[in-house]
């Protein structure tokens, strides 16, 4: 296993264990199977385990497995404060104490504010005294590193990054999301500030394993010998700004395969041919998309506030994968921001089309995207969710 350093020189395995997708049995986590898998991962050198308060049964299982096998001291545990559920200041400490009990530990190595989408959420936590609370927990040793996980665009990511002296952050990042969400811009900004980056959804929940047939053929003929999963993971580990890549592993085969790749994939190991291969596969994926948007953002900023690349990104996902999944991600990552960039905000000024290198009919495509991403039930649901969150 290869390791990279956190902000303070701690070795972190570049392959992390995402604890959201443990195998399930009888309505709960399959304890015996999942225990074998995490113990094998530890044996192979994985030391970073990422869970969260809202992952059903995950904190309890991880705490029990580490305690019963006496390996808590061998690993780094990351979990998350569900900031979106908190309504008063005392709930912060109450939730954290519950998490320590679930995890059977008296400290958390890496503690995240879960699922930020814009500055509004951090500002609300500040009004609850979160900075003083973090200082107290760091002083008593119950939290060793503080960070946040992020689901929004790069414009909203940067102010959060600068708002506090973070020890690390976690973003969704993969070769298909290279220029969406925090993206490469956010990754570079974090690295510039010396903030380690943990990557989630490196394979888009397995979607980059299920390539279109023509893309699979190109990869097979490349001579690399890589699987689709290996290509995606190696693309990430080629980048020195990436500290740790999380994988939701739920089989011994997956654990051993990912650990094998993580034992040889170094920063800067990609060749020019490898980069060309990734771009060719991305191009083939785009040929199955509805909009030939590359995410270059020359169309931005929109005078009316439309998140043009964001709308097109999730519109394309609705054709590549599932409509429901794309609508959910769109709602979470665009619709719940303080200033949601809905396509319906478009005033049809045409400024975007004048700057688009692909010469796309953006105004017409935005109408199509809005119909796909926000059918009536989703518009109602989003309105309710925004009201509940005080947006």
Protein backbone atom coordinates (compact mmCIF):
# COMPACT_ATOMS: atom_id res chain seq x y z
CA UNK A 1 0.00 0.00 0.00
CA UNK A 2 1.23 3.49 -0.84
CA UNK A 3 0.61 6.36 1.56
CA UNK A 4 0.27 10.11 1.29
CA UNK A 5 0.58 12.72 4.04
CA UNK A 6 -2.12 14.71 5.77
CA UNK A 7 -1.62 18.33 6.84
CA UNK A 8 0.45 17.32 9.85
CA UNK A 9 2.52 14.52 8.33
CA UNK A 10 0.31 11.58 9.26
CA UNK A 11 0.46 8.72 6.74
CA UNK A 12 -2.90 8.07 5.08
CA UNK A 13 -3.37 5.07 2.80
CA UNK A 14 -4.13 6.43 -0.65
CA UNK A 15 -6.96 3.89 -0.79
CA UNK A 16 -9.61 4.62 1.82
CA UNK A 17 -12.52 2.41 2.84
CA UNK A 18 -15.90 4.03 2.18
CA UNK A 19 -18.29 2.61 4.77
CA UNK A 20 -21.60 3.51 3.13
CA UNK A 21 -21.96 0.38 1.00
CA UNK A 22 -21.35 -2.55 3.34
CA UNK A 23 -23.12 -5.73 2.25
CA UNK A 24 -26.57 -6.07 3.80
CA UNK A 25 -28.44 -9.10 5.05
CA UNK A 26 -31.86 -9.38 6.66
CA UNK A 27 -32.43 -5.64 6.68
CA UNK A 28 -29.08 -4.80 8.28
CA UNK A 29 -25.35 -4.98 7.64
CA UNK A 30 -23.99 -8.47 6.96
CA UNK A 31 -21.63 -8.41 9.93
CA UNK A 32 -19.53 -11.50 9.28
CA UNK A 33 -18.97 -10.79 5.58
CA UNK A 34 -18.23 -7.10 6.09
CA UNK A 35 -15.94 -7.83 9.03
CA UNK A 36 -13.82 -10.16 6.88
CA UNK A 37 -13.58 -7.45 4.23
CA UNK A 38 -12.46 -4.62 6.49
CA UNK A 39 -9.98 -6.85 8.33
CA UNK A 40 -8.51 -7.90 4.98
CA UNK A 41 -8.28 -4.24 3.97
CA UNK A 42 -6.39 -3.44 7.18
CA UNK A 43 -4.09 -6.40 6.54
CA UNK A 44 -3.36 -5.00 3.08
CA UNK A 45 -2.50 -1.57 4.50
CA UNK A 46 -5.74 0.43 4.28
CA UNK A 47 -5.87 2.70 7.32
CA UNK A 48 -8.53 5.32 6.48
CA UNK A 49 -12.18 4.39 7.15
CA UNK A 50 -14.92 6.86 6.27
CA UNK A 51 -18.41 6.61 7.76
CA UNK A 52 -21.20 9.05 8.71
CA UNK A 53 -23.99 9.54 11.22
CA UNK A 54 -26.67 8.96 8.57
CA UNK A 55 -25.24 5.78 7.00
CA UNK A 56 -27.64 3.14 8.39
CA UNK A 57 -25.81 0.99 10.94
CA UNK A 58 -22.38 1.95 9.63
CA UNK A 59 -20.91 3.70 12.67
CA UNK A 60 -22.15 0.96 15.01
CA UNK A 61 -20.78 -1.82 12.82
CA UNK A 62 -17.40 -0.17 12.29
CA UNK A 63 -17.03 0.56 16.01
CA UNK A 64 -17.94 -2.99 16.97
CA UNK A 65 -15.64 -4.59 14.39
CA UNK A 66 -12.64 -2.44 15.33
CA UNK A 67 -13.25 -2.94 19.07
CA UNK A 68 -13.76 -6.70 18.98
CA UNK A 69 -10.70 -7.21 16.80
CA UNK A 70 -8.63 -4.77 18.85
CA UNK A 71 -7.50 -2.76 15.82
CA UNK A 72 -8.83 0.73 16.58
CA UNK A 73 -5.29 2.03 17.06
CA UNK A 74 -4.27 0.72 13.62
CA UNK A 75 -6.75 2.85 11.69
CA UNK A 76 -7.89 6.41 11.15
CA UNK A 77 -11.64 6.85 11.60
CA UNK A 78 -13.49 9.61 9.75
CA UNK A 79 -17.13 10.42 10.42
CA UNK A 80 -19.44 13.35 9.82
CA UNK A 81 -21.68 15.79 11.65
CA UNK A 82 -25.13 15.89 9.97
CA UNK A 83 -25.20 19.70 10.01
CA UNK A 84 -28.37 19.84 7.90
CA UNK A 85 -30.40 18.17 10.70
CA UNK A 86 -29.29 20.45 13.54
CA UNK A 87 -31.71 23.04 14.87
CA UNK A 88 -29.96 24.26 18.03
CA UNK A 89 -26.41 24.55 19.37
CA UNK A 90 -26.62 21.77 21.98
CA UNK A 91 -27.44 19.25 19.25
CA UNK A 92 -23.85 19.45 18.00
CA UNK A 93 -22.33 17.97 21.12
CA UNK A 94 -25.23 15.57 21.68
CA UNK A 95 -24.78 14.13 18.18
CA UNK A 96 -21.01 13.89 18.51
CA UNK A 97 -21.23 12.05 21.86
CA UNK A 98 -23.67 9.61 20.30
CA UNK A 99 -21.20 9.00 17.48
CA UNK A 100 -18.38 8.27 19.94
CA UNK A 101 -20.64 5.72 21.64
CA UNK A 102 -21.55 4.10 18.33
CA UNK A 103 -17.89 3.94 17.29
CA UNK A 104 -16.77 2.62 20.72
CA UNK A 105 -13.99 5.17 20.89
CA UNK A 106 -13.10 8.35 22.75
CA UNK A 107 -11.75 10.21 19.73
CA UNK A 108 -12.32 10.68 16.00
CA UNK A 109 -9.29 11.13 13.77
CA UNK A 110 -11.07 13.08 11.01
CA UNK A 111 -14.39 14.83 11.67
CA UNK A 112 -16.31 16.45 8.82
CA UNK A 113 -19.15 18.90 8.50
CA UNK A 114 -21.30 16.73 6.25
CA UNK A 115 -22.52 17.76 2.81
CA UNK A 116 -21.96 21.49 2.52
CA UNK A 117 -23.40 23.05 -0.64
CA UNK A 118 -22.68 26.73 0.07
CA UNK A 119 -21.51 29.20 2.71
CA UNK A 120 -24.96 29.51 4.26
CA UNK A 121 -24.56 26.19 6.07
CA UNK A 122 -21.21 27.12 7.59
CA UNK A 123 -22.55 30.51 8.64
CA UNK A 124 -25.49 28.83 10.38
CA UNK A 125 -23.08 26.55 12.27
CA UNK A 126 -21.03 29.61 13.22
CA UNK A 127 -24.17 31.11 14.78
CA UNK A 128 -24.36 27.93 16.91
CA UNK A 129 -20.79 28.48 18.15
CA UNK A 130 -19.24 25.72 16.06
CA UNK A 131 -15.77 27.28 15.98
CA UNK A 132 -15.60 27.41 19.78
CA UNK A 133 -16.92 23.86 19.97
CA UNK A 134 -14.27 22.60 17.52
CA UNK A 135 -11.53 24.34 19.52
CA UNK A 136 -12.74 22.65 22.70
CA UNK A 137 -12.88 19.21 21.09
CA UNK A 138 -9.41 19.61 19.65
CA UNK A 139 -8.14 20.73 23.04
CA UNK A 140 -9.56 17.66 24.81
CA UNK A 141 -8.33 15.35 22.03
CA UNK A 142 -11.71 13.96 21.01
CA UNK A 143 -11.28 15.41 17.50
CA UNK A 144 -7.86 15.39 15.86
CA UNK A 145 -8.62 16.89 12.43
CA UNK A 146 -11.58 18.96 11.24
CA UNK A 147 -12.87 19.21 7.70
CA UNK A 148 -15.96 19.23 5.51
CA UNK A 149 -17.47 17.23 2.68
CA UNK A 150 -18.85 19.13 -0.28
CA UNK A 151 -21.61 18.79 -2.88
CA UNK A 152 -21.95 22.04 -4.81
CA UNK A 153 -20.17 23.99 -7.53
CA UNK A 154 -16.64 25.38 -7.53
CA UNK A 155 -17.84 28.98 -7.10
CA UNK A 156 -19.41 28.14 -3.73
CA UNK A 157 -16.56 25.82 -2.72
CA UNK A 158 -13.86 28.46 -2.67
CA UNK A 159 -15.42 30.76 -0.04
CA UNK A 160 -15.96 27.78 2.30
CA UNK A 161 -12.37 26.72 1.80
CA UNK A 162 -11.22 30.19 2.88
CA UNK A 163 -13.69 30.60 5.76
CA UNK A 164 -11.81 28.50 8.33
CA UNK A 165 -8.45 26.88 8.99
CA UNK A 166 -9.52 23.44 7.73
CA UNK A 167 -7.33 20.39 8.21
CA UNK A 168 -8.77 18.57 5.18
CA UNK A 169 -11.79 18.41 2.88
CA UNK A 170 -13.69 15.80 0.89
CA UNK A 171 -15.05 16.27 -2.63
CA UNK A 172 -16.70 14.25 -5.37
CA UNK A 173 -14.14 13.94 -8.14
CA UNK A 174 -13.54 11.59 -11.06
CA UNK A 175 -12.65 11.97 -14.72
CA UNK A 176 -16.29 12.50 -15.69
CA UNK A 177 -16.78 15.11 -12.93
CA UNK A 178 -13.45 16.80 -13.64
CA UNK A 179 -15.11 20.17 -14.22
CA UNK A 180 -18.30 19.84 -12.16
CA UNK A 181 -18.91 20.29 -8.43
CA UNK A 182 -15.66 21.43 -6.74
CA UNK A 183 -13.79 19.85 -9.66
CA UNK A 184 -10.20 20.39 -10.66
CA UNK A 185 -10.50 24.07 -9.73
CA UNK A 186 -11.42 23.16 -6.16
CA UNK A 187 -8.78 20.45 -5.94
CA UNK A 188 -6.08 22.90 -7.01
CA UNK A 189 -7.33 25.58 -4.63
CA UNK A 190 -7.21 23.19 -1.68
CA UNK A 191 -3.72 22.02 -2.60
CA UNK A 192 -2.54 25.62 -2.92
CA UNK A 193 -3.65 26.17 0.69
CA UNK A 194 -2.00 22.97 1.90
CA UNK A 195 -5.35 21.29 2.58
CA UNK A 196 -5.40 17.52 1.92
CA UNK A 197 -8.25 16.29 -0.29
CA UNK A 198 -10.15 13.04 0.20
CA UNK A 199 -12.03 11.96 -2.93
CA UNK A 200 -15.46 10.34 -2.87
CA UNK A 201 -17.34 8.80 -5.81
CA UNK A 202 -14.14 8.05 -7.76
CA UNK A 203 -16.13 5.77 -10.07
CA UNK A 204 -19.49 7.56 -9.74
CA UNK A 205 -20.92 4.81 -7.56
CA UNK A 206 -19.77 2.18 -10.05
CA UNK A 207 -21.06 4.01 -13.13
CA UNK A 208 -17.55 4.41 -14.58
CA UNK A 209 -17.19 0.66 -14.41
CA UNK A 210 -20.21 0.23 -16.70
CA UNK A 211 -18.78 1.93 -19.78
CA UNK A 212 -20.59 2.01 -23.14
CA UNK A 213 -19.57 -0.89 -25.39
CA UNK A 214 -17.44 1.24 -27.72
CA UNK A 215 -15.55 2.72 -24.75
CA UNK A 216 -14.97 -0.77 -23.37
CA UNK A 217 -13.52 -1.81 -26.73
CA UNK A 218 -11.13 1.16 -26.77
CA UNK A 219 -9.92 0.36 -23.25
CA UNK A 220 -9.48 -3.33 -24.08
CA UNK A 221 -7.42 -2.46 -27.17
CA UNK A 222 -5.25 0.09 -25.32
CA UNK A 223 -2.66 -2.43 -24.19
CA UNK A 224 -2.72 -1.14 -20.59
CA UNK A 225 -4.39 -4.28 -19.26
CA UNK A 226 -6.47 -2.04 -17.03
CA UNK A 227 -10.10 -2.56 -16.15
CA UNK A 228 -12.50 0.37 -16.30
CA UNK A 229 -12.24 0.68 -12.51
CA UNK A 230 -8.45 0.67 -12.61
CA UNK A 231 -8.41 3.42 -15.22
CA UNK A 232 -10.58 5.64 -13.03
CA UNK A 233 -8.57 5.02 -9.87
CA UNK A 234 -5.20 5.46 -11.56
CA UNK A 235 -6.37 8.75 -13.13
CA UNK A 236 -6.97 10.05 -9.61
CA UNK A 237 -3.79 8.74 -8.02
CA UNK A 238 -1.77 10.25 -10.85
CA UNK A 239 -2.59 13.63 -9.29
CA UNK A 240 -0.41 14.57 -6.29
CA UNK A 241 -3.14 16.89 -5.00
CA UNK A 242 -5.32 13.84 -4.22
CA UNK A 243 -4.53 12.52 -0.74
CA UNK A 244 -6.94 9.60 -0.38
CA UNK A 245 -9.50 7.94 -2.67
CA UNK A 246 -12.52 6.32 -1.02
CA UNK A 247 -13.95 3.10 -2.38
CA UNK A 248 -17.19 1.56 -1.10
CA UNK A 249 -15.83 -1.98 -1.13
CA UNK A 250 -18.19 -4.87 -0.39
CA UNK A 251 -16.36 -7.99 -1.51
CA UNK A 252 -12.96 -9.52 -0.76
CA UNK A 253 -12.22 -9.48 -4.49
CA UNK A 254 -12.84 -5.74 -4.65
CA UNK A 255 -10.70 -5.10 -1.56
CA UNK A 256 -7.79 -7.10 -2.95
CA UNK A 257 -8.04 -5.64 -6.46
CA UNK A 258 -8.21 -2.03 -5.26
CA UNK A 259 -5.36 -2.59 -2.80
CA UNK A 260 -3.27 -4.07 -5.61
CA UNK A 261 -3.81 -0.97 -7.75
CA UNK A 262 -3.15 1.34 -4.79
CA UNK A 263 0.18 -0.39 -4.20
CA UNK A 264 1.59 0.68 -7.57
CA UNK A 265 -0.25 3.83 -8.69
CA UNK A 266 2.03 6.77 -7.95
CA UNK A 267 1.58 10.47 -8.62
CA UNK A 268 2.79 11.31 -12.12
CA UNK A 269 2.75 7.73 -13.42
CA UNK A 270 0.34 8.45 -16.29
CA UNK A 271 1.85 8.57 -19.77
CA UNK A 272 0.68 10.83 -22.57
CA UNK A 273 -1.02 7.80 -24.11
CA UNK A 274 -2.93 7.23 -20.86
CA UNK A 275 -4.25 10.80 -20.89
CA UNK A 276 -5.29 10.39 -24.51
CA UNK A 277 -7.08 7.17 -23.58
CA UNK A 278 -9.08 8.90 -20.84
CA UNK A 279 -10.06 11.74 -23.15
CA UNK A 280 -11.12 9.29 -25.84
CA UNK A 281 -13.30 7.38 -23.38
CA UNK A 282 -14.82 10.62 -22.13
CA UNK A 283 -15.55 11.57 -25.73
CA UNK A 284 -17.29 8.24 -26.32
CA UNK A 285 -19.33 8.69 -23.16
CA UNK A 286 -20.33 12.17 -24.34
CA UNK A 287 -21.51 10.73 -27.64
CA UNK A 288 -24.19 8.96 -25.62
CA UNK A 289 -25.15 12.22 -23.92
CA UNK A 290 -27.92 14.66 -24.79
CA UNK A 291 -25.78 17.81 -24.74
CA UNK A 292 -22.20 18.05 -26.04
CA UNK A 293 -21.17 20.28 -23.14
CA UNK A 294 -17.55 19.90 -22.05
CA UNK A 295 -17.95 21.88 -18.83
CA UNK A 296 -15.47 24.54 -19.98
CA UNK A 297 -17.61 27.30 -18.35
CA UNK A 298 -16.98 29.88 -21.07
CA UNK A 299 -20.74 30.49 -20.85
CA UNK A 300 -20.44 31.56 -17.23
CA UNK A 301 -21.27 33.58 -15.26
CA UNK A 302 -24.85 33.78 -16.44
CA UNK A 303 -26.32 37.27 -15.84
CA UNK A 304 -29.55 35.65 -14.61
CA UNK A 305 -27.82 33.17 -12.31
CA UNK A 306 -28.41 29.96 -14.27
CA UNK A 307 -25.88 27.20 -13.56
CA UNK A 308 -25.58 26.27 -17.22
CA UNK A 309 -22.87 23.56 -16.96
CA UNK A 310 -24.59 22.13 -13.88
CA UNK A 311 -27.95 21.77 -15.62
CA UNK A 312 -26.34 20.14 -18.64
CA UNK A 313 -24.18 17.82 -16.52
CA UNK A 314 -27.16 16.30 -14.72
CA UNK A 315 -29.28 16.30 -17.88
CA UNK A 316 -26.58 14.17 -19.49
CA UNK A 317 -26.45 11.85 -16.49
CA UNK A 318 -30.18 11.24 -16.88
CA UNK A 319 -29.49 9.68 -20.28
CA UNK A 320 -26.33 7.83 -19.32
CA UNK A 321 -27.62 6.27 -16.11
CA UNK A 322 -30.99 6.81 -14.43
CA UNK A 323 -33.42 9.71 -14.47
CA UNK A 324 -34.16 9.32 -10.77
CA UNK A 325 -30.49 9.32 -9.81
CA UNK A 326 -29.74 12.37 -11.97
CA UNK A 327 -32.71 14.25 -10.54
CA UNK A 328 -31.65 13.44 -6.99
CA UNK A 329 -28.08 14.64 -7.60
CA UNK A 330 -29.33 17.75 -9.35
CA UNK A 331 -31.64 18.56 -6.43
CA UNK A 332 -28.88 18.04 -3.88
CA UNK A 333 -26.03 19.76 -5.71
CA UNK A 334 -27.86 22.58 -7.53
CA UNK A 335 -31.40 22.87 -6.22
CA UNK A 336 -30.55 23.16 -2.52
CA UNK A 337 -27.95 25.89 -2.85
CA UNK A 338 -28.70 29.32 -1.45
CA UNK A 339 -29.05 30.63 -5.02
CA UNK A 340 -30.14 27.64 -7.09
CA UNK A 341 -29.13 27.92 -10.72
CA UNK A 342 -32.36 26.60 -12.19
CA UNK A 343 -32.74 26.77 -15.98
CA UNK A 344 -36.08 28.51 -15.48
CA UNK A 345 -34.15 31.66 -14.47
CA UNK A 346 -32.98 32.06 -18.08
CA UNK A 347 -34.00 35.40 -19.63
CA UNK A 348 -32.85 34.26 -23.09
CA UNK A 349 -30.36 37.10 -23.40
CA UNK A 350 -28.10 34.87 -25.53
CA UNK A 351 -24.82 35.95 -23.92
CA UNK A 352 -23.94 32.30 -23.22
CA UNK A 353 -24.35 31.23 -26.83
CA UNK A 354 -22.02 33.98 -28.01
CA UNK A 355 -19.23 32.49 -25.87
CA UNK A 356 -19.86 28.75 -26.28
CA UNK A 357 -16.92 27.05 -28.11
CA UNK A 358 -19.27 24.20 -29.07
CA UNK A 359 -21.82 26.65 -30.55
CA UNK A 360 -24.61 24.95 -28.62
CA UNK A 361 -28.21 26.29 -28.75
CA UNK A 362 -28.01 26.77 -25.00
CA UNK A 363 -31.33 28.52 -24.52
CA UNK A 364 -33.34 25.73 -26.12
CA UNK A 365 -31.30 23.03 -24.41
CA UNK A 366 -31.87 24.62 -21.01
CA UNK A 367 -35.63 24.30 -21.49
CA UNK A 368 -35.22 20.62 -22.31
CA UNK A 369 -32.95 20.08 -19.30
CA UNK A 370 -35.39 21.79 -16.96
CA UNK A 371 -38.27 19.61 -18.14
CA UNK A 372 -36.16 16.50 -17.57
CA UNK A 373 -34.66 17.45 -14.22
CA UNK A 374 -37.60 19.20 -12.61
CA UNK A 375 -40.91 17.55 -13.52
CA UNK A 376 -43.82 18.75 -11.38
CA UNK A 377 -43.36 16.34 -8.42
CA UNK A 378 -39.67 17.24 -8.15
CA UNK A 379 -40.41 20.97 -8.26
CA UNK A 380 -42.80 20.55 -5.35
CA UNK A 381 -40.35 18.39 -3.43
CA UNK A 382 -37.53 20.85 -3.97
CA UNK A 383 -39.68 23.75 -2.82
CA UNK A 384 -40.55 21.88 0.38
CA UNK A 385 -36.93 20.90 1.00
CA UNK A 386 -35.74 24.47 0.50
CA UNK A 387 -38.35 25.76 2.93
CA UNK A 388 -37.35 23.23 5.56
CA UNK A 389 -33.70 24.22 5.15
CA UNK A 390 -34.55 27.92 5.34
CA UNK A 391 -33.49 28.69 1.76
